[in-house]
Amino acid sequence: MTFETVKKILLDLGIDEERIHANAYLHYDLELDSTETVQIALDLKRLCGVTVKFESRQDLTVADVCALIDQAKVANPS
């Protein structure tokens, strides 16, 4: 479910579906800028109830983002 949530957010940002996979890097592969990563964080808060902070210099994969969401859910169960 976590991957599908991240995928939906990325699709809403206009990323082509075929480019979205677990090993895709947000900046390098999907070409997201800092504004878009902030939007992802806001959408994750709204959709999942978790706060995920992205380091500006670290290029995360989609799988990394999913892992951060899962860790945040464990740390702060609803």
PDB file of N, CA and C in Angstrom:
ATOM      1  N   MET A   1       0.817  -1.192   0.000  1.00  0.00           N
ATOM      2  CA  MET A   1       0.000   0.000   0.000  1.00  0.00           C
ATOM      3  C   MET A   1       0.867   1.265   0.000  1.00  0.00           C
ATOM      4  N   THR A   2       1.985   1.231   0.701  1.00  0.00           N
ATOM      5  CA  THR A   2       2.847   2.404   0.768  1.00  0.00           C
ATOM      6  C   THR A   2       3.352   2.789  -0.614  1.00  0.00           C
ATOM      7  N   PHE A   3       3.813   1.810  -1.383  1.00  0.00           N
ATOM      8  CA  PHE A   3       4.305   2.099  -2.732  1.00  0.00           C
ATOM      9  C   PHE A   3       3.204   2.721  -3.580  1.00  0.00           C
ATOM     10  N   GLU A   4       2.000   2.196  -3.479  1.00  0.00           N
ATOM     11  CA  GLU A   4       0.880   2.717  -4.269  1.00  0.00           C
ATOM     12  C   GLU A   4       0.561   4.159  -3.891  1.00  0.00           C
ATOM     13  N   THR A   5       0.687   4.487  -2.620  1.00  0.00           N
ATOM     14  CA  THR A   5       0.458   5.866  -2.172  1.00  0.00           C
ATOM     15  C   THR A   5       1.503   6.799  -2.760  1.00  0.00           C
ATOM     16  N   VAL A   6       2.766   6.403  -2.685  1.00  0.00           N
ATOM     17  CA  VAL A   6       3.843   7.221  -3.247  1.00  0.00           C
ATOM     18  C   VAL A   6       3.664   7.341  -4.759  1.00  0.00           C
ATOM     19  N   LYS A   7       3.304   6.259  -5.397  1.00  0.00           N
ATOM     20  CA  LYS A   7       3.083   6.269  -6.843  1.00  0.00           C
ATOM     21  C   LYS A   7       1.973   7.250  -7.210  1.00  0.00           C
ATOM     22  N   LYS A   8       0.888   7.255  -6.448  1.00  0.00           N
ATOM     23  CA  LYS A   8      -0.223   8.174  -6.714  1.00  0.00           C
ATOM     24  C   LYS A   8       0.237   9.619  -6.595  1.00  0.00           C
ATOM     25  N   ILE A   9       1.018   9.904  -5.576  1.00  0.00           N
ATOM     26  CA  ILE A   9       1.528  11.264  -5.389  1.00  0.00           C
ATOM     27  C   ILE A   9       2.396  11.668  -6.579  1.00  0.00           C
ATOM     28  N   LEU A  10       3.265  10.769  -7.001  1.00  0.00           N
ATOM     29  CA  LEU A  10       4.149  11.059  -8.139  1.00  0.00           C
ATOM     30  C   LEU A  10       3.354  11.235  -9.434  1.00  0.00           C
ATOM     31  N   LEU A  11       2.338  10.424  -9.624  1.00  0.00           N
ATOM     32  CA  LEU A  11       1.482  10.581 -10.800  1.00  0.00           C
ATOM     33  C   LEU A  11       0.784  11.935 -10.774  1.00  0.00           C
ATOM     34  N   ASP A  12       0.319  12.348  -9.584  1.00  0.00           N
ATOM     35  CA  ASP A  12      -0.335  13.651  -9.441  1.00  0.00           C
ATOM     36  C   ASP A  12       0.624  14.802  -9.755  1.00  0.00           C
ATOM     37  N   LEU A  13       1.919  14.569  -9.557  1.00  0.00           N
ATOM     38  CA  LEU A  13       2.929  15.581  -9.884  1.00  0.00           C
ATOM     39  C   LEU A  13       3.278  15.591 -11.372  1.00  0.00           C
ATOM     40  N   GLY A  14       2.697  14.652 -12.124  1.00  0.00           N
ATOM     41  CA  GLY A  14       2.911  14.613 -13.562  1.00  0.00           C
ATOM     42  C   GLY A  14       4.017  13.688 -14.023  1.00  0.00           C
ATOM     43  N   ILE A  15       4.508  12.821 -13.138  1.00  0.00           N
ATOM     44  CA  ILE A  15       5.539  11.861 -13.521  1.00  0.00           C
ATOM     45  C   ILE A  15       4.879  10.723 -14.307  1.00  0.00           C
ATOM     46  N   ASP A  16       5.485  10.345 -15.415  1.00  0.00           N
ATOM     47  CA  ASP A  16       4.953   9.241 -16.220  1.00  0.00           C
ATOM     48  C   ASP A  16       5.018   7.941 -15.432  1.00  0.00           C
ATOM     49  N   GLU A  17       3.961   7.163 -15.514  1.00  0.00           N
ATOM     50  CA  GLU A  17       3.852   5.919 -14.744  1.00  0.00           C
ATOM     51  C   GLU A  17       4.996   4.955 -15.018  1.00  0.00           C
ATOM     52  N   GLU A  18       5.446   4.867 -16.262  1.00  0.00           N
ATOM     53  CA  GLU A  18       6.515   3.908 -16.590  1.00  0.00           C
ATOM     54  C   GLU A  18       7.859   4.294 -15.969  1.00  0.00           C
ATOM     55  N   ARG A  19       8.000   5.533 -15.524  1.00  0.00           N
ATOM     56  CA  ARG A  19       9.248   5.968 -14.875  1.00  0.00           C
ATOM     57  C   ARG A  19       9.252   5.677 -13.375  1.00  0.00           C
ATOM     58  N   ILE A  20       8.091   5.348 -12.833  1.00  0.00           N
ATOM     59  CA  ILE A  20       7.973   5.148 -11.384  1.00  0.00           C
ATOM     60  C   ILE A  20       8.188   3.679 -11.045  1.00  0.00           C
ATOM     61  N   HIS A  21       9.289   3.407 -10.347  1.00  0.00           N
ATOM     62  CA  HIS A  21       9.582   2.060  -9.857  1.00  0.00           C
ATOM     63  C   HIS A  21      10.387   2.196  -8.581  1.00  0.00           C
ATOM     64  N   ALA A  22      10.526   1.126  -7.854  1.00  0.00           N
ATOM     65  CA  ALA A  22      11.147   1.164  -6.527  1.00  0.00           C
ATOM     66  C   ALA A  22      12.554   1.736  -6.527  1.00  0.00           C
ATOM     67  N   ASN A  23      13.314   1.482  -7.576  1.00  0.00           N
ATOM     68  CA  ASN A  23      14.710   1.924  -7.616  1.00  0.00           C
ATOM     69  C   ASN A  23      14.913   3.280  -8.293  1.00  0.00           C
ATOM     70  N   ALA A  24      13.835   3.952  -8.643  1.00  0.00           N
ATOM     71  CA  ALA A  24      13.954   5.262  -9.292  1.00  0.00           C
ATOM     72  C   ALA A  24      14.321   6.319  -8.253  1.00  0.00           C
ATOM     73  N   TYR A  25      15.355   7.094  -8.555  1.00  0.00           N
ATOM     74  CA  TYR A  25      15.767   8.198  -7.681  1.00  0.00           C
ATOM     75  C   TYR A  25      14.882   9.416  -7.945  1.00  0.00           C
ATOM     76  N   LEU A  26      14.484  10.082  -6.862  1.00  0.00           N
ATOM     77  CA  LEU A  26      13.576  11.216  -7.001  1.00  0.00           C
ATOM     78  C   LEU A  26      14.161  12.331  -7.852  1.00  0.00           C
ATOM     79  N   HIS A  27      15.423  12.674  -7.617  1.00  0.00           N
ATOM     80  CA  HIS A  27      16.025  13.788  -8.357  1.00  0.00           C
ATOM     81  C   HIS A  27      16.631  13.324  -9.679  1.00  0.00           C
ATOM     82  N   TYR A  28      17.456  12.306  -9.629  1.00  0.00           N
ATOM     83  CA  TYR A  28      18.204  11.874 -10.814  1.00  0.00           C
ATOM     84  C   TYR A  28      17.295  11.265 -11.883  1.00  0.00           C
ATOM     85  N   ASP A  29      16.436  10.327 -11.476  1.00  0.00           N
ATOM     86  CA  ASP A  29      15.603   9.611 -12.448  1.00  0.00           C
ATOM     87  C   ASP A  29      14.281  10.324 -12.741  1.00  0.00           C
ATOM     88  N   LEU A  30      13.628  10.803 -11.697  1.00  0.00           N
ATOM     89  CA  LEU A  30      12.304  11.408 -11.866  1.00  0.00           C
ATOM     90  C   LEU A  30      12.372  12.920 -12.051  1.00  0.00           C
ATOM     91  N   GLU A  31      13.576  13.475 -11.869  1.00  0.00           N
ATOM     92  CA  GLU A  31      13.833  14.892 -12.107  1.00  0.00           C
ATOM     93  C   GLU A  31      12.956  15.822 -11.274  1.00  0.00           C
ATOM     94  N   LEU A  32      12.738  15.438 -10.013  1.00  0.00           N
ATOM     95  CA  LEU A  32      11.965  16.283  -9.112  1.00  0.00           C
ATOM     96  C   LEU A  32      12.851  17.380  -8.535  1.00  0.00           C
ATOM     97  N   ASP A  33      12.258  18.541  -8.327  1.00  0.00           N
ATOM     98  CA  ASP A  33      13.003  19.623  -7.691  1.00  0.00           C
ATOM     99  C   ASP A  33      12.594  19.716  -6.219  1.00  0.00           C
ATOM    100  N   SER A  34      13.192  20.656  -5.508  1.00  0.00           N
ATOM    101  CA  SER A  34      12.947  20.748  -4.065  1.00  0.00           C
ATOM    102  C   SER A  34      11.496  21.097  -3.754  1.00  0.00           C
ATOM    103  N   THR A  35      10.855  21.885  -4.594  1.00  0.00           N
ATOM    104  CA  THR A  35       9.446  22.228  -4.383  1.00  0.00           C
ATOM    105  C   THR A  35       8.576  20.985  -4.476  1.00  0.00           C
ATOM    106  N   GLU A  36       8.885  20.124  -5.421  1.00  0.00           N
ATOM    107  CA  GLU A  36       8.105  18.896  -5.586  1.00  0.00           C
ATOM    108  C   GLU A  36       8.329  17.924  -4.431  1.00  0.00           C
ATOM    109  N   THR A  37       9.541  17.884  -3.885  1.00  0.00           N
ATOM    110  CA  THR A  37       9.765  16.997  -2.740  1.00  0.00           C
ATOM    111  C   THR A  37       9.025  17.521  -1.512  1.00  0.00           C
ATOM    112  N   VAL A  38       8.920  18.828  -1.383  1.00  0.00           N
ATOM    113  CA  VAL A  38       8.104  19.401  -0.301  1.00  0.00           C
ATOM    114  C   VAL A  38       6.649  19.001  -0.501  1.00  0.00           C
ATOM    115  N   GLN A  39       6.180  19.044  -1.736  1.00  0.00           N
ATOM    116  CA  GLN A  39       4.801  18.642  -2.029  1.00  0.00           C
ATOM    117  C   GLN A  39       4.577  17.176  -1.670  1.00  0.00           C
ATOM    118  N   ILE A  40       5.554  16.328  -1.955  1.00  0.00           N
ATOM    119  CA  ILE A  40       5.441  14.915  -1.573  1.00  0.00           C
ATOM    120  C   ILE A  40       5.291  14.796  -0.062  1.00  0.00           C
ATOM    121  N   ALA A  41       6.114  15.517   0.684  1.00  0.00           N
ATOM    122  CA  ALA A  41       6.047  15.468   2.149  1.00  0.00           C
ATOM    123  C   ALA A  41       4.684  15.931   2.645  1.00  0.00           C
ATOM    124  N   LEU A  42       4.142  16.990   2.058  1.00  0.00           N
ATOM    125  CA  LEU A  42       2.820  17.481   2.457  1.00  0.00           C
ATOM    126  C   LEU A  42       1.726  16.463   2.142  1.00  0.00           C
ATOM    127  N   ASP A  43       1.813  15.852   0.967  1.00  0.00           N
ATOM    128  CA  ASP A  43       0.820  14.844   0.583  1.00  0.00           C
ATOM    129  C   ASP A  43       0.910  13.612   1.477  1.00  0.00           C
ATOM    130  N   LEU A  44       2.127  13.229   1.872  1.00  0.00           N
ATOM    131  CA  LEU A  44       2.279  12.078   2.772  1.00  0.00           C
ATOM    132  C   LEU A  44       1.652  12.374   4.125  1.00  0.00           C
ATOM    133  N   LYS A  45       1.796  13.598   4.594  1.00  0.00           N
ATOM    134  CA  LYS A  45       1.181  13.995   5.863  1.00  0.00           C
ATOM    135  C   LYS A  45      -0.336  13.913   5.744  1.00  0.00           C
ATOM    136  N   ARG A  46      -0.864  14.401   4.623  1.00  0.00           N
ATOM    137  CA  ARG A  46      -2.312  14.418   4.413  1.00  0.00           C
ATOM    138  C   ARG A  46      -2.878  13.007   4.204  1.00  0.00           C
ATOM    139  N   LEU A  47      -2.203  12.199   3.389  1.00  0.00           N
ATOM    140  CA  LEU A  47      -2.733  10.884   3.040  1.00  0.00           C
ATOM    141  C   LEU A  47      -2.417   9.795   4.068  1.00  0.00           C
ATOM    142  N   CYS A  48      -1.243   9.867   4.677  1.00  0.00           N
ATOM    143  CA  CYS A  48      -0.788   8.794   5.567  1.00  0.00           C
ATOM    144  C   CYS A  48      -0.695   9.212   7.031  1.00  0.00           C
ATOM    145  N   GLY A  49      -0.763  10.521   7.281  1.00  0.00           N
ATOM    146  CA  GLY A  49      -0.647  10.998   8.648  1.00  0.00           C
ATOM    147  C   GLY A  49       0.760  10.902   9.209  1.00  0.00           C
ATOM    148  N   VAL A  50       1.757  10.873   8.338  1.00  0.00           N
ATOM    149  CA  VAL A  50       3.150  10.781   8.795  1.00  0.00           C
ATOM    150  C   VAL A  50       3.941  11.983   8.294  1.00  0.00           C
ATOM    151  N   THR A  51       4.928  12.348   9.079  1.00  0.00           N
ATOM    152  CA  THR A  51       5.819  13.418   8.694  1.00  0.00           C
ATOM    153  C   THR A  51       7.135  12.813   8.237  1.00  0.00           C
ATOM    154  N   VAL A  52       7.486  13.084   6.997  1.00  0.00           N
ATOM    155  CA  VAL A  52       8.735  12.594   6.423  1.00  0.00           C
ATOM    156  C   VAL A  52       9.535  13.802   5.962  1.00  0.00           C
ATOM    157  N   LYS A  53      10.764  13.895   6.448  1.00  0.00           N
ATOM    158  CA  LYS A  53      11.627  15.004   6.045  1.00  0.00           C
ATOM    159  C   LYS A  53      12.666  14.485   5.059  1.00  0.00           C
ATOM    160  N   PHE A  54      12.796  15.201   3.967  1.00  0.00           N
ATOM    161  CA  PHE A  54      13.765  14.847   2.939  1.00  0.00           C
ATOM    162  C   PHE A  54      14.991  15.740   3.099  1.00  0.00           C
ATOM    163  N   GLU A  55      16.152  15.118   3.143  1.00  0.00           N
ATOM    164  CA  GLU A  55      17.402  15.882   3.172  1.00  0.00           C
ATOM    165  C   GLU A  55      17.625  16.452   1.782  1.00  0.00           C
ATOM    166  N   SER A  56      17.922  17.735   1.701  1.00  0.00           N
ATOM    167  CA  SER A  56      18.020  18.391   0.396  1.00  0.00           C
ATOM    168  C   SER A  56      19.156  17.857  -0.471  1.00  0.00           C
ATOM    169  N   ARG A  57      20.205  17.351   0.143  1.00  0.00           N
ATOM    170  CA  ARG A  57      21.348  16.878  -0.643  1.00  0.00           C
ATOM    171  C   ARG A  57      21.318  15.379  -0.897  1.00  0.00           C
ATOM    172  N   GLN A  58      20.346  14.698  -0.341  1.00  0.00           N
ATOM    173  CA  GLN A  58      20.290  13.250  -0.472  1.00  0.00           C
ATOM    174  C   GLN A  58      19.237  12.883  -1.515  1.00  0.00           C
ATOM    175  N   ASP A  59      19.631  12.121  -2.514  1.00  0.00           N
ATOM    176  CA  ASP A  59      18.703  11.671  -3.544  1.00  0.00           C
ATOM    177  C   ASP A  59      18.188  10.291  -3.161  1.00  0.00           C
ATOM    178  N   LEU A  60      16.945  10.240  -2.730  1.00  0.00           N
ATOM    179  CA  LEU A  60      16.339   8.992  -2.279  1.00  0.00           C
ATOM    180  C   LEU A  60      15.661   8.267  -3.432  1.00  0.00           C
ATOM    181  N   THR A  61      15.587   6.954  -3.313  1.00  0.00           N
ATOM    182  CA  THR A  61      14.788   6.174  -4.256  1.00  0.00           C
ATOM    183  C   THR A  61      13.348   6.134  -3.760  1.00  0.00           C
ATOM    184  N   VAL A  62      12.460   5.713  -4.625  1.00  0.00           N
ATOM    185  CA  VAL A  62      11.064   5.535  -4.226  1.00  0.00           C
ATOM    186  C   VAL A  62      10.991   4.521  -3.081  1.00  0.00           C
ATOM    187  N   ALA A  63      11.784   3.466  -3.145  1.00  0.00           N
ATOM    188  CA  ALA A  63      11.815   2.464  -2.073  1.00  0.00           C
ATOM    189  C   ALA A  63      12.286   3.079  -0.757  1.00  0.00           C
ATOM    190  N   ASP A  64      13.258   3.993  -0.816  1.00  0.00           N
ATOM    191  CA  ASP A  64      13.723   4.684   0.384  1.00  0.00           C
ATOM    192  C   ASP A  64      12.588   5.485   1.017  1.00  0.00           C
ATOM    193  N   VAL A  65      11.820   6.162   0.186  1.00  0.00           N
ATOM    194  CA  VAL A  65      10.687   6.952   0.683  1.00  0.00           C
ATOM    195  C   VAL A  65       9.663   6.030   1.340  1.00  0.00           C
ATOM    196  N   CYS A  66       9.385   4.902   0.715  1.00  0.00           N
ATOM    197  CA  CYS A  66       8.443   3.933   1.290  1.00  0.00           C
ATOM    198  C   CYS A  66       8.937   3.442   2.653  1.00  0.00           C
ATOM    199  N   ALA A  67      10.232   3.189   2.762  1.00  0.00           N
ATOM    200  CA  ALA A  67      10.808   2.738   4.029  1.00  0.00           C
ATOM    201  C   ALA A  67      10.684   3.826   5.093  1.00  0.00           C
ATOM    202  N   LEU A  68      10.899   5.086   4.727  1.00  0.00           N
ATOM    203  CA  LEU A  68      10.750   6.186   5.676  1.00  0.00           C
ATOM    204  C   LEU A  68       9.312   6.295   6.171  1.00  0.00           C
ATOM    205  N   ILE A  69       8.357   6.090   5.274  1.00  0.00           N
ATOM    206  CA  ILE A  69       6.944   6.123   5.660  1.00  0.00           C
ATOM    207  C   ILE A  69       6.646   5.003   6.641  1.00  0.00           C
ATOM    208  N   ASP A  70       7.106   3.802   6.330  1.00  0.00           N
ATOM    209  CA  ASP A  70       6.872   2.660   7.210  1.00  0.00           C
ATOM    210  C   ASP A  70       7.505   2.878   8.582  1.00  0.00           C
ATOM    211  N   GLN A  71       8.712   3.431   8.603  1.00  0.00           N
ATOM    212  CA  GLN A  71       9.382   3.720   9.877  1.00  0.00           C
ATOM    213  C   GLN A  71       8.612   4.758  10.680  1.00  0.00           C
ATOM    214  N   ALA A  72       8.092   5.788   9.994  1.00  0.00           N
ATOM    215  CA  ALA A  72       7.322   6.825  10.674  1.00  0.00           C
ATOM    216  C   ALA A  72       6.021   6.268  11.240  1.00  0.00           C
ATOM    217  N   LYS A  73       5.402   5.341  10.518  1.00  0.00           N
ATOM    218  CA  LYS A  73       4.163   4.723  11.011  1.00  0.00           C
ATOM    219  C   LYS A  73       4.421   3.884  12.260  1.00  0.00           C
ATOM    220  N   VAL A  74       5.538   3.185  12.285  1.00  0.00           N
ATOM    221  CA  VAL A  74       5.892   2.359  13.452  1.00  0.00           C
ATOM    222  C   VAL A  74       6.206   3.248  14.650  1.00  0.00           C
ATOM    223  N   ALA A  75       6.933   4.334  14.395  1.00  0.00           N
ATOM    224  CA  ALA A  75       7.344   5.240  15.466  1.00  0.00           C
ATOM    225  C   ALA A  75       6.169   6.011  16.047  1.00  0.00           C
ATOM    226  N   ASN A  76       5.180   6.308  15.213  1.00  0.00           N
ATOM    227  CA  ASN A  76       4.018   7.104  15.638  1.00  0.00           C
ATOM    228  C   ASN A  76       2.725   6.463  15.159  1.00  0.00           C
ATOM    229  N   PRO A  77       2.351   5.327  15.756  1.00  0.00           N
ATOM    230  CA  PRO A  77       1.113   4.669  15.304  1.00  0.00           C
ATOM    231  C   PRO A  77      -0.103   5.553  15.574  1.00  0.00           C
ATOM    232  N   SER A  78      -1.060   5.492  14.670  1.00  0.00           N
ATOM    233  CA  SER A  78      -2.275   6.329  14.802  1.00  0.00           C
ATOM    234  C   SER A  78      -3.180   5.828  15.892  1.00  0.00           C
TER     235      SER A  78
END
